[in-house]
Amino acid sequence: MKLTVHNIAGAIPSGAASEHFETLAKSPTVQIERIISAGHTTPEGEWFDQTRDEWVMIAHGAARMAVEGESGELELNVGDWVLIPAGCRHRVTWTTPDTQTIWLAVHLS
């Protein structure tokens, strides 16, 4: 079997009007994706409310997230990660505008 090496920061699209989501690997119980943000946020009044647990880590850049029912925001910098339980409503309130923020997201069943 020949393995192929990839890079989490490779082939980044530039100038996208919206966030870029790319599935890197998938099985019946796990999905791993790369999310590229560049100043993108969740639109006002909208919340992510997922049916699966999601583990996210910042590989490049920085972000802030709000969690429904909690005061303040979570600040995420390179290497920071958080486990978001299924049903936990959250939104991205800020990502670095001058460089891409690269998220590594693992969705668990």
PDB file of N, CA and C in Angstrom:
ATOM      1  N   MET A   1       0.838  -1.176   0.000  1.00  0.00           N
ATOM      2  CA  MET A   1       0.000   0.000   0.000  1.00  0.00           C
ATOM      3  C   MET A   1       0.885   1.242   0.000  1.00  0.00           C
ATOM      4  N   LYS A   2       0.586   2.183  -0.875  1.00  0.00           N
ATOM      5  CA  LYS A   2       1.340   3.432  -0.946  1.00  0.00           C
ATOM      6  C   LYS A   2       0.568   4.503  -0.187  1.00  0.00           C
ATOM      7  N   LEU A   3       1.214   5.109   0.799  1.00  0.00           N
ATOM      8  CA  LEU A   3       0.604   6.178   1.578  1.00  0.00           C
ATOM      9  C   LEU A   3       0.943   7.523   0.963  1.00  0.00           C
ATOM     10  N   THR A   4       0.051   8.487   1.109  1.00  0.00           N
ATOM     11  CA  THR A   4       0.258   9.830   0.592  1.00  0.00           C
ATOM     12  C   THR A   4       0.303  10.808   1.753  1.00  0.00           C
ATOM     13  N   VAL A   5       1.296  11.678   1.758  1.00  0.00           N
ATOM     14  CA  VAL A   5       1.433  12.692   2.795  1.00  0.00           C
ATOM     15  C   VAL A   5       0.676  13.943   2.355  1.00  0.00           C
ATOM     16  N   HIS A   6      -0.089  14.514   3.281  1.00  0.00           N
ATOM     17  CA  HIS A   6      -0.818  15.757   3.047  1.00  0.00           C
ATOM     18  C   HIS A   6      -0.403  16.754   4.123  1.00  0.00           C
ATOM     19  N   ASN A   7      -0.719  18.023   3.944  1.00  0.00           N
ATOM     20  CA  ASN A   7      -0.384  19.040   4.923  1.00  0.00           C
ATOM     21  C   ASN A   7      -1.637  19.832   5.254  1.00  0.00           C
ATOM     22  N   ILE A   8      -1.925  20.008   6.538  1.00  0.00           N
ATOM     23  CA  ILE A   8      -3.135  20.706   6.977  1.00  0.00           C
ATOM     24  C   ILE A   8      -3.185  22.149   6.449  1.00  0.00           C
ATOM     25  N   ALA A   9      -2.014  22.737   6.171  1.00  0.00           N
ATOM     26  CA  ALA A   9      -1.955  24.112   5.676  1.00  0.00           C
ATOM     27  C   ALA A   9      -1.746  24.178   4.163  1.00  0.00           C
ATOM     28  N   GLY A  10      -1.787  23.030   3.481  1.00  0.00           N
ATOM     29  CA  GLY A  10      -1.552  23.005   2.047  1.00  0.00           C
ATOM     30  C   GLY A  10      -2.791  23.312   1.231  1.00  0.00           C
ATOM     31  N   ALA A  11      -2.595  23.849   0.042  1.00  0.00           N
ATOM     32  CA  ALA A  11      -3.660  24.116  -0.935  1.00  0.00           C
ATOM     33  C   ALA A  11      -4.839  24.864  -0.318  1.00  0.00           C
ATOM     34  N   ILE A  12      -4.541  25.981   0.307  1.00  0.00           N
ATOM     35  CA  ILE A  12      -5.588  26.787   0.938  1.00  0.00           C
ATOM     36  C   ILE A  12      -6.196  27.722  -0.097  1.00  0.00           C
ATOM     37  N   PRO A  13      -7.522  27.669  -0.252  1.00  0.00           N
ATOM     38  CA  PRO A  13      -8.164  28.606  -1.187  1.00  0.00           C
ATOM     39  C   PRO A  13      -8.090  30.028  -0.624  1.00  0.00           C
ATOM     40  N   SER A  14      -7.916  31.010  -1.481  1.00  0.00           N
ATOM     41  CA  SER A  14      -7.837  32.395  -1.007  1.00  0.00           C
ATOM     42  C   SER A  14      -9.023  33.198  -1.515  1.00  0.00           C
ATOM     43  N   GLY A  15      -9.368  34.219  -0.758  1.00  0.00           N
ATOM     44  CA  GLY A  15     -10.404  35.143  -1.166  1.00  0.00           C
ATOM     45  C   GLY A  15     -11.808  34.565  -1.192  1.00  0.00           C
ATOM     46  N   ALA A  16     -12.064  33.512  -0.445  1.00  0.00           N
ATOM     47  CA  ALA A  16     -13.394  32.896  -0.445  1.00  0.00           C
ATOM     48  C   ALA A  16     -14.389  33.799   0.275  1.00  0.00           C
ATOM     49  N   ALA A  17     -15.596  33.890  -0.271  1.00  0.00           N
ATOM     50  CA  ALA A  17     -16.647  34.701   0.336  1.00  0.00           C
ATOM     51  C   ALA A  17     -17.227  34.029   1.582  1.00  0.00           C
ATOM     52  N   SER A  18     -17.054  32.720   1.690  1.00  0.00           N
ATOM     53  CA  SER A  18     -17.547  32.001   2.857  1.00  0.00           C
ATOM     54  C   SER A  18     -16.481  31.019   3.322  1.00  0.00           C
ATOM     55  N   GLU A  19     -16.705  30.439   4.491  1.00  0.00           N
ATOM     56  CA  GLU A  19     -15.757  29.456   5.006  1.00  0.00           C
ATOM     57  C   GLU A  19     -15.649  28.275   4.052  1.00  0.00           C
ATOM     58  N   HIS A  20     -14.492  27.641   4.082  1.00  0.00           N
ATOM     59  CA  HIS A  20     -14.233  26.484   3.232  1.00  0.00           C
ATOM     60  C   HIS A  20     -14.197  25.238   4.121  1.00  0.00           C
ATOM     61  N   PHE A  21     -15.028  24.242   3.815  1.00  0.00           N
ATOM     62  CA  PHE A  21     -15.092  22.988   4.549  1.00  0.00           C
ATOM     63  C   PHE A  21     -14.603  21.871   3.629  1.00  0.00           C
ATOM     64  N   GLU A  22     -13.689  21.041   4.145  1.00  0.00           N
ATOM     65  CA  GLU A  22     -13.131  19.951   3.346  1.00  0.00           C
ATOM     66  C   GLU A  22     -13.021  18.695   4.208  1.00  0.00           C
ATOM     67  N   THR A  23     -13.670  17.615   3.792  1.00  0.00           N
ATOM     68  CA  THR A  23     -13.566  16.349   4.507  1.00  0.00           C
ATOM     69  C   THR A  23     -12.219  15.718   4.187  1.00  0.00           C
ATOM     70  N   LEU A  24     -11.445  15.406   5.228  1.00  0.00           N
ATOM     71  CA  LEU A  24     -10.127  14.800   5.060  1.00  0.00           C
ATOM     72  C   LEU A  24     -10.186  13.281   5.176  1.00  0.00           C
ATOM     73  N   ALA A  25     -11.066  12.786   6.035  1.00  0.00           N
ATOM     74  CA  ALA A  25     -11.243  11.344   6.226  1.00  0.00           C
ATOM     75  C   ALA A  25     -12.624  11.106   6.824  1.00  0.00           C
ATOM     76  N   LYS A  26     -13.176   9.921   6.523  1.00  0.00           N
ATOM     77  CA  LYS A  26     -14.532   9.634   6.986  1.00  0.00           C
ATOM     78  C   LYS A  26     -14.705   8.137   7.163  1.00  0.00           C
ATOM     79  N   SER A  27     -15.414   7.775   8.225  1.00  0.00           N
ATOM     80  CA  SER A  27     -15.825   6.394   8.466  1.00  0.00           C
ATOM     81  C   SER A  27     -17.271   6.447   8.938  1.00  0.00           C
ATOM     82  N   PRO A  28     -17.903   5.310   9.189  1.00  0.00           N
ATOM     83  CA  PRO A  28     -19.292   5.365   9.670  1.00  0.00           C
ATOM     84  C   PRO A  28     -19.453   6.101  11.011  1.00  0.00           C
ATOM     85  N   THR A  29     -18.392   6.184  11.819  1.00  0.00           N
ATOM     86  CA  THR A  29     -18.526   6.798  13.142  1.00  0.00           C
ATOM     87  C   THR A  29     -17.716   8.077  13.345  1.00  0.00           C
ATOM     88  N   VAL A  30     -16.817   8.410  12.418  1.00  0.00           N
ATOM     89  CA  VAL A  30     -15.950   9.577  12.580  1.00  0.00           C
ATOM     90  C   VAL A  30     -15.814  10.302  11.243  1.00  0.00           C
ATOM     91  N   GLN A  31     -15.858  11.633  11.316  1.00  0.00           N
ATOM     92  CA  GLN A  31     -15.553  12.448  10.141  1.00  0.00           C
ATOM     93  C   GLN A  31     -14.542  13.499  10.564  1.00  0.00           C
ATOM     94  N   ILE A  32     -13.449  13.618   9.813  1.00  0.00           N
ATOM     95  CA  ILE A  32     -12.413  14.604  10.089  1.00  0.00           C
ATOM     96  C   ILE A  32     -12.450  15.624   8.962  1.00  0.00           C
ATOM     97  N   GLU A  33     -12.509  16.901   9.340  1.00  0.00           N
ATOM     98  CA  GLU A  33     -12.541  17.923   8.298  1.00  0.00           C
ATOM     99  C   GLU A  33     -11.637  19.090   8.644  1.00  0.00           C
ATOM    100  N   ARG A  34     -11.247  19.786   7.597  1.00  0.00           N
ATOM    101  CA  ARG A  34     -10.477  21.013   7.711  1.00  0.00           C
ATOM    102  C   ARG A  34     -11.425  22.149   7.372  1.00  0.00           C
ATOM    103  N   ILE A  35     -11.415  23.171   8.212  1.00  0.00           N
ATOM    104  CA  ILE A  35     -12.245  24.353   7.978  1.00  0.00           C
ATOM    105  C   ILE A  35     -11.300  25.539   7.862  1.00  0.00           C
ATOM    106  N   ILE A  36     -11.472  26.331   6.807  1.00  0.00           N
ATOM    107  CA  ILE A  36     -10.647  27.518   6.590  1.00  0.00           C
ATOM    108  C   ILE A  36     -11.533  28.742   6.752  1.00  0.00           C
ATOM    109  N   SER A  37     -11.164  29.618   7.676  1.00  0.00           N
ATOM    110  CA  SER A  37     -11.878  30.879   7.904  1.00  0.00           C
ATOM    111  C   SER A  37     -10.899  32.021   7.704  1.00  0.00           C
ATOM    112  N   ALA A  38     -11.381  33.123   7.184  1.00  0.00           N
ATOM    113  CA  ALA A  38     -10.554  34.327   7.047  1.00  0.00           C
ATOM    114  C   ALA A  38     -11.449  35.525   7.349  1.00  0.00           C
ATOM    115  N   GLY A  39     -11.600  35.779   8.640  1.00  0.00           N
ATOM    116  CA  GLY A  39     -12.501  36.852   9.053  1.00  0.00           C
ATOM    117  C   GLY A  39     -13.955  36.426   9.042  1.00  0.00           C
ATOM    118  N   HIS A  40     -14.232  35.160   8.753  1.00  0.00           N
ATOM    119  CA  HIS A  40     -15.615  34.681   8.699  1.00  0.00           C
ATOM    120  C   HIS A  40     -16.158  34.445  10.100  1.00  0.00           C
ATOM    121  N   THR A  41     -17.461  34.655  10.254  1.00  0.00           N
ATOM    122  CA  THR A  41     -18.162  34.398  11.508  1.00  0.00           C
ATOM    123  C   THR A  41     -19.500  33.741  11.192  1.00  0.00           C
ATOM    124  N   THR A  42     -20.125  33.208  12.224  1.00  0.00           N
ATOM    125  CA  THR A  42     -21.488  32.692  12.072  1.00  0.00           C
ATOM    126  C   THR A  42     -22.415  33.898  11.975  1.00  0.00           C
ATOM    127  N   PRO A  43     -23.312  33.950  10.993  1.00  0.00           N
ATOM    128  CA  PRO A  43     -24.210  35.107  10.869  1.00  0.00           C
ATOM    129  C   PRO A  43     -24.986  35.367  12.169  1.00  0.00           C
ATOM    130  N   GLU A  44     -25.199  36.653  12.476  1.00  0.00           N
ATOM    131  CA  GLU A  44     -25.944  37.053  13.674  1.00  0.00           C
ATOM    132  C   GLU A  44     -27.252  36.286  13.767  1.00  0.00           C
ATOM    133  N   GLY A  45     -27.556  35.807  14.962  1.00  0.00           N
ATOM    134  CA  GLY A  45     -28.809  35.105  15.195  1.00  0.00           C
ATOM    135  C   GLY A  45     -28.791  33.634  14.815  1.00  0.00           C
ATOM    136  N   GLU A  46     -27.734  33.175  14.141  1.00  0.00           N
ATOM    137  CA  GLU A  46     -27.635  31.760  13.774  1.00  0.00           C
ATOM    138  C   GLU A  46     -26.730  31.037  14.761  1.00  0.00           C
ATOM    139  N   TRP A  47     -27.040  29.755  14.997  1.00  0.00           N
ATOM    140  CA  TRP A  47     -26.268  28.923  15.919  1.00  0.00           C
ATOM    141  C   TRP A  47     -26.027  27.569  15.276  1.00  0.00           C
ATOM    142  N   PHE A  48     -24.860  26.993  15.545  1.00  0.00           N
ATOM    143  CA  PHE A  48     -24.622  25.593  15.207  1.00  0.00           C
ATOM    144  C   PHE A  48     -25.246  24.769  16.322  1.00  0.00           C
ATOM    145  N   ASP A  49     -25.996  23.743  15.966  1.00  0.00           N
ATOM    146  CA  ASP A  49     -26.638  22.843  16.929  1.00  0.00           C
ATOM    147  C   ASP A  49     -26.559  21.451  16.323  1.00  0.00           C
ATOM    148  N   GLN A  50     -25.468  20.768  16.592  1.00  0.00           N
ATOM    149  CA  GLN A  50     -25.157  19.527  15.902  1.00  0.00           C
ATOM    150  C   GLN A  50     -25.655  18.306  16.666  1.00  0.00           C
ATOM    151  N   THR A  51     -25.901  17.237  15.924  1.00  0.00           N
ATOM    152  CA  THR A  51     -26.385  15.993  16.511  1.00  0.00           C
ATOM    153  C   THR A  51     -25.247  15.084  16.952  1.00  0.00           C
ATOM    154  N   ARG A  52     -24.005  15.468  16.648  1.00  0.00           N
ATOM    155  CA  ARG A  52     -22.830  14.669  17.011  1.00  0.00           C
ATOM    156  C   ARG A  52     -21.873  15.530  17.834  1.00  0.00           C
ATOM    157  N   ASP A  53     -21.102  14.892  18.720  1.00  0.00           N
ATOM    158  CA  ASP A  53     -20.027  15.601  19.409  1.00  0.00           C
ATOM    159  C   ASP A  53     -19.021  16.066  18.357  1.00  0.00           C
ATOM    160  N   GLU A  54     -18.415  17.231  18.623  1.00  0.00           N
ATOM    161  CA  GLU A  54     -17.399  17.757  17.709  1.00  0.00           C
ATOM    162  C   GLU A  54     -16.192  18.221  18.512  1.00  0.00           C
ATOM    163  N   TRP A  55     -15.015  17.715  18.148  1.00  0.00           N
ATOM    164  CA  TRP A  55     -13.748  18.151  18.725  1.00  0.00           C
ATOM    165  C   TRP A  55     -13.114  19.072  17.700  1.00  0.00           C
ATOM    166  N   VAL A  56     -12.777  20.298  18.112  1.00  0.00           N
ATOM    167  CA  VAL A  56     -12.136  21.234  17.184  1.00  0.00           C
ATOM    168  C   VAL A  56     -10.840  21.768  17.783  1.00  0.00           C
ATOM    169  N   MET A  57      -9.860  21.995  16.900  1.00  0.00           N
ATOM    170  CA  MET A  57      -8.569  22.542  17.296  1.00  0.00           C
ATOM    171  C   MET A  57      -8.155  23.604  16.287  1.00  0.00           C
ATOM    172  N   ILE A  58      -7.511  24.643  16.780  1.00  0.00           N
ATOM    173  CA  ILE A  58      -6.967  25.679  15.901  1.00  0.00           C
ATOM    174  C   ILE A  58      -5.541  25.272  15.519  1.00  0.00           C
ATOM    175  N   ALA A  59      -5.311  25.059  14.232  1.00  0.00           N
ATOM    176  CA  ALA A  59      -3.988  24.702  13.734  1.00  0.00           C
ATOM    177  C   ALA A  59      -3.212  25.934  13.258  1.00  0.00           C
ATOM    178  N   HIS A  60      -3.935  26.999  12.915  1.00  0.00           N
ATOM    179  CA  HIS A  60      -3.314  28.250  12.452  1.00  0.00           C
ATOM    180  C   HIS A  60      -4.322  29.360  12.659  1.00  0.00           C
ATOM    181  N   GLY A  61      -3.847  30.545  13.057  1.00  0.00           N
ATOM    182  CA  GLY A  61      -4.743  31.671  13.255  1.00  0.00           C
ATOM    183  C   GLY A  61      -5.339  31.669  14.652  1.00  0.00           C
ATOM    184  N   ALA A  62      -6.531  32.250  14.767  1.00  0.00           N
ATOM    185  CA  ALA A  62      -7.210  32.352  16.056  1.00  0.00           C
ATOM    186  C   ALA A  62      -8.698  32.555  15.816  1.00  0.00           C
ATOM    187  N   ALA A  63      -9.484  32.284  16.864  1.00  0.00           N
ATOM    188  CA  ALA A  63     -10.940  32.432  16.748  1.00  0.00           C
ATOM    189  C   ALA A  63     -11.545  32.681  18.124  1.00  0.00           C
ATOM    190  N   ARG A  64     -12.784  33.161  18.111  1.00  0.00           N
ATOM    191  CA  ARG A  64     -13.583  33.265  19.335  1.00  0.00           C
ATOM    192  C   ARG A  64     -14.928  32.625  19.063  1.00  0.00           C
ATOM    193  N   MET A  65     -15.447  31.950  20.092  1.00  0.00           N
ATOM    194  CA  MET A  65     -16.744  31.280  19.983  1.00  0.00           C
ATOM    195  C   MET A  65     -17.621  31.672  21.161  1.00  0.00           C
ATOM    196  N   ALA A  66     -18.917  31.794  20.894  1.00  0.00           N
ATOM    197  CA  ALA A  66     -19.914  31.984  21.947  1.00  0.00           C
ATOM    198  C   ALA A  66     -20.667  30.671  22.113  1.00  0.00           C
ATOM    199  N   VAL A  67     -21.006  30.362  23.359  1.00  0.00           N
ATOM    200  CA  VAL A  67     -21.794  29.181  23.676  1.00  0.00           C
ATOM    201  C   VAL A  67     -23.086  29.668  24.315  1.00  0.00           C
ATOM    202  N   GLU A  68     -24.208  29.218  23.789  1.00  0.00           N
ATOM    203  CA  GLU A  68     -25.506  29.660  24.294  1.00  0.00           C
ATOM    204  C   GLU A  68     -25.618  29.380  25.793  1.00  0.00           C
ATOM    205  N   GLY A  69     -26.061  30.401  26.538  1.00  0.00           N
ATOM    206  CA  GLY A  69     -26.257  30.246  27.974  1.00  0.00           C
ATOM    207  C   GLY A  69     -25.020  30.536  28.810  1.00  0.00           C
ATOM    208  N   GLU A  70     -23.878  30.785  28.173  1.00  0.00           N
ATOM    209  CA  GLU A  70     -22.651  31.103  28.905  1.00  0.00           C
ATOM    210  C   GLU A  70     -22.261  32.547  28.647  1.00  0.00           C
ATOM    211  N   SER A  71     -21.760  33.198  29.698  1.00  0.00           N
ATOM    212  CA  SER A  71     -21.302  34.577  29.510  1.00  0.00           C
ATOM    213  C   SER A  71     -19.874  34.547  28.974  1.00  0.00           C
ATOM    214  N   GLY A  72     -19.515  35.567  28.255  1.00  0.00           N
ATOM    215  CA  GLY A  72     -18.180  35.632  27.684  1.00  0.00           C
ATOM    216  C   GLY A  72     -18.035  34.732  26.473  1.00  0.00           C
ATOM    217  N   GLU A  73     -16.833  34.719  25.929  1.00  0.00           N
ATOM    218  CA  GLU A  73     -16.533  33.924  24.739  1.00  0.00           C
ATOM    219  C   GLU A  73     -15.321  33.051  25.008  1.00  0.00           C
ATOM    220  N   LEU A  74     -15.231  31.964  24.283  1.00  0.00           N
ATOM    221  CA  LEU A  74     -14.040  31.126  24.315  1.00  0.00           C
ATOM    222  C   LEU A  74     -13.037  31.708  23.338  1.00  0.00           C
ATOM    223  N   GLU A  75     -11.805  31.920  23.780  1.00  0.00           N
ATOM    224  CA  GLU A  75     -10.743  32.376  22.890  1.00  0.00           C
ATOM    225  C   GLU A  75      -9.892  31.173  22.528  1.00  0.00           C
ATOM    226  N   LEU A  76      -9.707  30.961  21.242  1.00  0.00           N
ATOM    227  CA  LEU A  76      -8.934  29.821  20.750  1.00  0.00           C
ATOM    228  C   LEU A  76      -7.750  30.320  19.933  1.00  0.00           C
ATOM    229  N   ASN A  77      -6.559  29.870  20.321  1.00  0.00           N
ATOM    230  CA  ASN A  77      -5.331  30.190  19.607  1.00  0.00           C
ATOM    231  C   ASN A  77      -4.692  28.894  19.131  1.00  0.00           C
ATOM    232  N   VAL A  78      -3.595  28.998  18.406  1.00  0.00           N
ATOM    233  CA  VAL A  78      -2.932  27.823  17.847  1.00  0.00           C
ATOM    234  C   VAL A  78      -2.689  26.775  18.939  1.00  0.00           C
ATOM    235  N   GLY A  79      -3.146  25.562  18.658  1.00  0.00           N
ATOM    236  CA  GLY A  79      -2.986  24.451  19.585  1.00  0.00           C
ATOM    237  C   GLY A  79      -4.136  24.269  20.554  1.00  0.00           C
ATOM    238  N   ASP A  80      -4.990  25.286  20.700  1.00  0.00           N
ATOM    239  CA  ASP A  80      -6.147  25.168  21.598  1.00  0.00           C
ATOM    240  C   ASP A  80      -7.208  24.288  20.960  1.00  0.00           C
ATOM    241  N   TRP A  81      -7.869  23.483  21.798  1.00  0.00           N
ATOM    242  CA  TRP A  81      -8.946  22.634  21.307  1.00  0.00           C
ATOM    243  C   TRP A  81     -10.070  22.602  22.321  1.00  0.00           C
ATOM    244  N   VAL A  82     -11.245  22.257  21.850  1.00  0.00           N
ATOM    245  CA  VAL A  82     -12.426  22.165  22.701  1.00  0.00           C
ATOM    246  C   VAL A  82     -13.307  21.032  22.186  1.00  0.00           C
ATOM    247  N   LEU A  83     -13.953  20.325  23.115  1.00  0.00           N
ATOM    248  CA  LEU A  83     -14.925  19.298  22.759  1.00  0.00           C
ATOM    249  C   LEU A  83     -16.309  19.903  22.938  1.00  0.00           C
ATOM    250  N   ILE A  84     -17.060  19.961  21.844  1.00  0.00           N
ATOM    251  CA  ILE A  84     -18.404  20.545  21.860  1.00  0.00           C
ATOM    252  C   ILE A  84     -19.400  19.393  21.849  1.00  0.00           C
ATOM    253  N   PRO A  85     -20.125  19.191  22.948  1.00  0.00           N
ATOM    254  CA  PRO A  85     -21.073  18.074  22.997  1.00  0.00           C
ATOM    255  C   PRO A  85     -22.236  18.270  22.014  1.00  0.00           C
ATOM    256  N   ALA A  86     -22.792  17.184  21.554  1.00  0.00           N
ATOM    257  CA  ALA A  86     -23.982  17.244  20.694  1.00  0.00           C
ATOM    258  C   ALA A  86     -25.052  18.071  21.405  1.00  0.00           C
ATOM    259  N   GLY A  87     -25.741  18.920  20.653  1.00  0.00           N
ATOM    260  CA  GLY A  87     -26.816  19.736  21.202  1.00  0.00           C
ATOM    261  C   GLY A  87     -26.363  21.017  21.875  1.00  0.00           C
ATOM    262  N   CYS A  88     -25.057  21.264  21.944  1.00  0.00           N
ATOM    263  CA  CYS A  88     -24.525  22.496  22.540  1.00  0.00           C
ATOM    264  C   CYS A  88     -24.524  23.581  21.457  1.00  0.00           C
ATOM    265  N   ARG A  89     -25.451  24.513  21.588  1.00  0.00           N
ATOM    266  CA  ARG A  89     -25.552  25.577  20.585  1.00  0.00           C
ATOM    267  C   ARG A  89     -24.376  26.541  20.739  1.00  0.00           C
ATOM    268  N   HIS A  90     -23.696  26.783  19.615  1.00  0.00           N
ATOM    269  CA  HIS A  90     -22.507  27.629  19.624  1.00  0.00           C
ATOM    270  C   HIS A  90     -22.403  28.377  18.304  1.00  0.00           C
ATOM    271  N   ARG A  91     -21.592  29.427  18.318  1.00  0.00           N
ATOM    272  CA  ARG A  91     -21.374  30.201  17.100  1.00  0.00           C
ATOM    273  C   ARG A  91     -19.975  30.798  17.116  1.00  0.00           C
ATOM    274  N   VAL A  92     -19.431  31.002  15.939  1.00  0.00           N
ATOM    275  CA  VAL A  92     -18.115  31.639  15.795  1.00  0.00           C
ATOM    276  C   VAL A  92     -18.354  33.137  15.704  1.00  0.00           C
ATOM    277  N   THR A  93     -17.741  33.900  16.613  1.00  0.00           N
ATOM    278  CA  THR A  93     -17.959  35.349  16.661  1.00  0.00           C
ATOM    279  C   THR A  93     -16.821  36.154  16.034  1.00  0.00           C
ATOM    280  N   TRP A  94     -15.660  35.498  15.821  1.00  0.00           N
ATOM    281  CA  TRP A  94     -14.506  36.207  15.257  1.00  0.00           C
ATOM    282  C   TRP A  94     -13.473  35.193  14.797  1.00  0.00           C
ATOM    283  N   THR A  95     -12.847  35.451  13.662  1.00  0.00           N
ATOM    284  CA  THR A  95     -11.640  34.742  13.228  1.00  0.00           C
ATOM    285  C   THR A  95     -10.675  35.788  12.683  1.00  0.00           C
ATOM    286  N   THR A  96      -9.393  35.466  12.706  1.00  0.00           N
ATOM    287  CA  THR A  96      -8.390  36.442  12.274  1.00  0.00           C
ATOM    288  C   THR A  96      -8.693  36.933  10.854  1.00  0.00           C
ATOM    289  N   PRO A  97      -8.810  38.249  10.682  1.00  0.00           N
ATOM    290  CA  PRO A  97      -9.167  38.779   9.359  1.00  0.00           C
ATOM    291  C   PRO A  97      -7.990  38.885   8.397  1.00  0.00           C
ATOM    292  N   ASP A  98      -6.764  38.936   8.930  1.00  0.00           N
ATOM    293  CA  ASP A  98      -5.600  39.178   8.079  1.00  0.00           C
ATOM    294  C   ASP A  98      -4.862  37.913   7.675  1.00  0.00           C
ATOM    295  N   THR A  99      -5.292  36.765   8.167  1.00  0.00           N
ATOM    296  CA  THR A  99      -4.707  35.482   7.788  1.00  0.00           C
ATOM    297  C   THR A  99      -5.767  34.402   7.961  1.00  0.00           C
ATOM    298  N   GLN A 100      -5.583  33.290   7.318  1.00  0.00           N
ATOM    299  CA  GLN A 100      -6.561  32.213   7.452  1.00  0.00           C
ATOM    300  C   GLN A 100      -6.464  31.570   8.829  1.00  0.00           C
ATOM    301  N   THR A 101      -7.620  31.236   9.367  1.00  0.00           N
ATOM    302  CA  THR A 101      -7.685  30.394  10.559  1.00  0.00           C
ATOM    303  C   THR A 101      -7.984  28.992  10.042  1.00  0.00           C
ATOM    304  N   ILE A 102      -7.132  28.044  10.429  1.00  0.00           N
ATOM    305  CA  ILE A 102      -7.316  26.657  10.011  1.00  0.00           C
ATOM    306  C   ILE A 102      -7.783  25.861  11.219  1.00  0.00           C
ATOM    307  N   TRP A 103      -8.986  25.302  11.101  1.00  0.00           N
ATOM    308  CA  TRP A 103      -9.565  24.462  12.131  1.00  0.00           C
ATOM    309  C   TRP A 103      -9.414  23.009  11.715  1.00  0.00           C
ATOM    310  N   LEU A 104      -9.133  22.156  12.670  1.00  0.00           N
ATOM    311  CA  LEU A 104      -9.221  20.709  12.465  1.00  0.00           C
ATOM    312  C   LEU A 104     -10.412  20.268  13.292  1.00  0.00           C
ATOM    313  N   ALA A 105     -11.424  19.693  12.624  1.00  0.00           N
ATOM    314  CA  ALA A 105     -12.654  19.287  13.308  1.00  0.00           C
ATOM    315  C   ALA A 105     -12.837  17.768  13.167  1.00  0.00           C
ATOM    316  N   VAL A 106     -13.165  17.148  14.289  1.00  0.00           N
ATOM    317  CA  VAL A 106     -13.437  15.717  14.314  1.00  0.00           C
ATOM    318  C   VAL A 106     -14.853  15.535  14.839  1.00  0.00           C
ATOM    319  N   HIS A 107     -15.737  15.015  13.986  1.00  0.00           N
ATOM    320  CA  HIS A 107     -17.136  14.762  14.352  1.00  0.00           C
ATOM    321  C   HIS A 107     -17.261  13.305  14.769  1.00  0.00           C
ATOM    322  N   LEU A 108     -17.799  13.083  15.959  1.00  0.00           N
ATOM    323  CA  LEU A 108     -17.882  11.744  16.528  1.00  0.00           C
ATOM    324  C   LEU A 108     -19.326  11.271  16.623  1.00  0.00           C
ATOM    325  N   SER A 109     -19.549   9.994  16.414  1.00  0.00           N
ATOM    326  CA  SER A 109     -20.896   9.442  16.574  1.00  0.00           C
ATOM    327  C   SER A 109     -20.983   8.676  17.858  1.00  0.00           C
TER     328      SER A 109
END
